Amino acid sequence: SIGIEVAVNDGDLNAGGWAPTRLGWADGSGTAYENPSVMGELLLGVSPLSAFPIIGLVNAAPSGSGYVSEWFGYFETPVIDWIKHGEFGWLFTGWVESTDSMVFYSYNLNTWLWTSQDIFGYFYDYAAQTWITFIVLPEEGVFRYDFSTGIWVKVP
């Protein structure tokens, strides 16, 4: 962990008491911890892009406190390089350069995912080496469907 203090609003904290920040993840006290994107940079050999290229890539229009795209859905941009997607929760989008090949880090699943505009909603999970889909239900939690097993599982 690193000893950098960051501002975190209570509304930004997930159920576990954490919120993504530009420096990494912060707990309710405002202490920032190592950014999971550093691991991704080492694994994938790519560099983060500026602020929110995802807005233009998915042809999103302002909607309420966030943005909406016909195919990508609703999302908010409270933290640079991260979005809070209406269905898929917190996603690191800092390396998305094209809708033909989109690599995300899913905070809710704690894994790297690949998808494209043509199949968005279906993801290849790098860690599990399988195709999945998932949904984040605010009152119920995160549910993941693994196409290799044909089973929905609640993510702990």
Protein backbone atom coordinates (compact mmCIF):
# COMPACT_ATOMS: atom_id res chain seq x y z
CA SER A 1 0.00 0.00 0.00
CA ILE A 2 0.99 3.61 -0.39
CA GLY A 3 0.48 6.35 2.15
CA ILE A 4 -1.24 8.91 -0.07
CA GLU A 5 -4.40 10.57 1.18
CA VAL A 6 -7.20 11.12 -1.34
CA ALA A 7 -10.69 12.57 -1.09
CA VAL A 8 -13.40 9.89 -1.11
CA ASN A 9 -17.12 10.61 -0.78
CA ASP A 10 -19.22 8.07 1.11
CA GLY A 11 -21.47 7.75 -1.97
CA ASP A 12 -18.47 6.56 -4.03
CA LEU A 13 -17.77 3.59 -1.75
CA ASN A 14 -18.90 0.14 -2.86
CA ALA A 15 -20.45 -2.39 -0.48
CA GLY A 16 -16.98 -3.39 0.72
CA GLY A 17 -16.14 0.20 1.69
CA TRP A 18 -13.79 0.87 -1.26
CA ALA A 19 -13.79 3.37 -4.12
CA PRO A 20 -11.57 3.58 -7.23
CA THR A 21 -9.38 6.67 -7.49
CA ARG A 22 -6.84 7.86 -10.03
CA LEU A 23 -4.11 6.57 -7.72
CA GLY A 24 -5.68 3.18 -7.10
CA TRP A 25 -8.31 2.06 -4.63
CA ALA A 26 -9.15 4.04 -1.52
CA ASP A 27 -10.87 2.93 1.62
CA GLY A 28 -13.33 5.04 3.61
CA SER A 29 -10.47 6.73 5.49
CA GLY A 30 -9.10 8.08 2.21
CA THR A 31 -5.94 5.95 2.18
CA ALA A 32 -5.04 4.98 -1.40
CA TYR A 33 -3.71 1.54 -2.26
CA GLU A 34 -1.92 0.07 -5.23
CA ASN A 35 -3.70 0.50 -8.56
CA PRO A 36 -4.73 -2.79 -10.21
CA SER A 37 -4.12 -1.14 -13.58
CA VAL A 38 -0.36 -1.32 -12.92
CA MET A 39 -0.62 -5.12 -13.08
CA GLY A 40 -2.56 -4.83 -16.32
CA GLU A 41 0.06 -2.59 -17.86
CA LEU A 42 2.70 -5.20 -17.09
CA LEU A 43 0.56 -8.12 -18.32
CA LEU A 44 -0.90 -6.50 -21.42
CA GLY A 45 2.01 -4.22 -22.35
CA VAL A 46 -0.19 -1.19 -22.95
CA SER A 47 -0.26 2.35 -21.58
CA PRO A 48 -3.25 4.21 -20.18
CA LEU A 49 -4.98 6.72 -22.44
CA SER A 50 -6.14 10.15 -21.34
CA ALA A 51 -9.22 10.75 -19.18
CA PHE A 52 -12.33 9.21 -20.84
CA PRO A 53 -11.81 8.13 -24.46
CA ILE A 54 -14.61 5.62 -23.91
CA ILE A 55 -17.22 8.41 -24.23
CA GLY A 56 -16.31 9.08 -27.86
CA LEU A 57 -15.59 5.47 -28.75
CA VAL A 58 -19.05 4.27 -27.78
CA ASN A 59 -20.73 7.38 -29.24
CA ALA A 60 -22.22 8.27 -25.85
CA ALA A 61 -24.46 11.27 -25.21
CA PRO A 62 -24.93 13.03 -21.86
CA SER A 63 -27.81 11.60 -19.82
CA GLY A 64 -28.54 12.70 -16.28
CA SER A 65 -25.34 12.41 -14.26
CA GLY A 66 -23.69 10.13 -16.82
CA TYR A 67 -23.72 9.06 -20.46
CA VAL A 68 -25.73 6.66 -22.57
CA SER A 69 -24.78 4.74 -25.69
CA GLU A 70 -27.22 2.79 -27.83
CA TRP A 71 -25.14 -0.38 -27.67
CA PHE A 72 -22.90 0.20 -24.61
CA GLY A 73 -25.64 1.29 -22.21
CA TYR A 74 -25.62 3.80 -19.37
CA PHE A 75 -22.46 4.68 -17.44
CA GLU A 76 -21.05 7.37 -15.18
CA THR A 77 -17.50 8.73 -15.14
CA PRO A 78 -16.74 9.71 -11.52
CA VAL A 79 -13.02 8.82 -11.65
CA ILE A 80 -10.49 9.21 -14.48
CA ASP A 81 -10.01 5.96 -16.46
CA TRP A 82 -12.86 4.24 -14.55
CA ILE A 83 -16.55 4.07 -15.34
CA LYS A 84 -19.47 2.87 -13.27
CA HIS A 85 -21.56 0.93 -15.79
CA GLY A 86 -25.29 0.50 -15.22
CA GLU A 87 -25.15 -3.29 -15.59
CA PHE A 88 -21.50 -4.26 -15.11
CA GLY A 89 -20.39 -2.00 -12.24
CA TRP A 90 -16.88 -0.54 -11.97
CA LEU A 91 -14.75 -1.02 -15.09
CA PHE A 92 -11.25 0.28 -15.77
CA THR A 93 -11.44 1.62 -19.34
CA GLY A 94 -8.15 3.51 -19.55
CA TRP A 95 -6.73 1.29 -22.27
CA VAL A 96 -9.76 1.00 -24.53
CA GLU A 97 -8.62 2.37 -27.88
CA SER A 98 -11.17 0.81 -30.21
CA THR A 99 -14.59 -0.81 -30.05
CA ASP A 100 -13.18 -3.66 -32.17
CA SER A 101 -11.12 -4.90 -29.22
CA MET A 102 -11.92 -3.69 -25.71
CA VAL A 103 -9.96 -4.77 -22.63
CA PHE A 104 -11.50 -3.88 -19.24
CA TYR A 105 -10.56 -4.58 -15.67
CA SER A 106 -13.72 -5.47 -13.75
CA TYR A 107 -13.52 -4.47 -10.11
CA ASN A 108 -16.63 -6.50 -9.28
CA LEU A 109 -15.16 -9.69 -10.78
CA ASN A 110 -11.51 -8.86 -9.96
CA THR A 111 -10.38 -9.90 -13.44
CA TRP A 112 -9.45 -8.65 -16.90
CA LEU A 113 -12.10 -9.03 -19.60
CA TRP A 114 -12.12 -8.76 -23.39
CA THR A 115 -15.07 -7.88 -25.61
CA SER A 116 -15.97 -5.88 -28.72
CA GLN A 117 -18.89 -3.81 -29.94
CA ASP A 118 -20.21 -6.76 -31.95
CA ILE A 119 -20.54 -9.01 -28.88
CA PHE A 120 -20.73 -6.50 -26.03
CA GLY A 121 -22.43 -8.06 -23.00
CA TYR A 122 -20.37 -11.22 -23.50
CA PHE A 123 -16.80 -11.17 -22.20
CA TYR A 124 -13.72 -13.37 -22.37
CA ASP A 125 -12.35 -13.75 -18.83
CA TYR A 126 -8.54 -13.91 -19.10
CA ALA A 127 -8.00 -15.46 -15.66
CA ALA A 128 -10.61 -18.21 -16.01
CA GLN A 129 -9.94 -18.63 -19.76
CA THR A 130 -13.65 -18.82 -20.52
CA TRP A 131 -16.53 -16.81 -21.94
CA ILE A 132 -18.84 -15.16 -19.43
CA THR A 133 -21.54 -12.59 -18.92
CA PHE A 134 -22.43 -10.97 -15.63
CA ILE A 135 -24.70 -8.44 -14.01
CA VAL A 136 -24.46 -6.24 -10.93
CA LEU A 137 -27.77 -5.95 -9.05
CA PRO A 138 -27.54 -3.22 -6.40
CA GLU A 139 -29.71 -4.98 -3.83
CA GLU A 140 -28.60 -8.54 -4.62
CA GLY A 141 -24.91 -8.48 -5.62
CA VAL A 142 -22.88 -9.62 -8.64
CA PHE A 143 -23.91 -12.65 -10.66
CA ARG A 144 -21.64 -14.32 -13.21
CA TYR A 145 -22.65 -16.78 -15.93
CA ASP A 146 -19.91 -19.10 -17.18
CA PHE A 147 -20.69 -20.46 -20.65
CA SER A 148 -18.36 -23.45 -20.19
CA THR A 149 -20.36 -24.71 -17.21
CA GLY A 150 -23.77 -23.22 -18.02
CA ILE A 151 -24.16 -22.01 -14.43
CA TRP A 152 -24.98 -18.62 -12.85
CA VAL A 153 -22.92 -18.00 -9.71
CA LYS A 154 -23.17 -15.21 -7.17
CA VAL A 155 -19.74 -13.57 -6.88
CA PRO A 156 -18.63 -13.30 -3.22
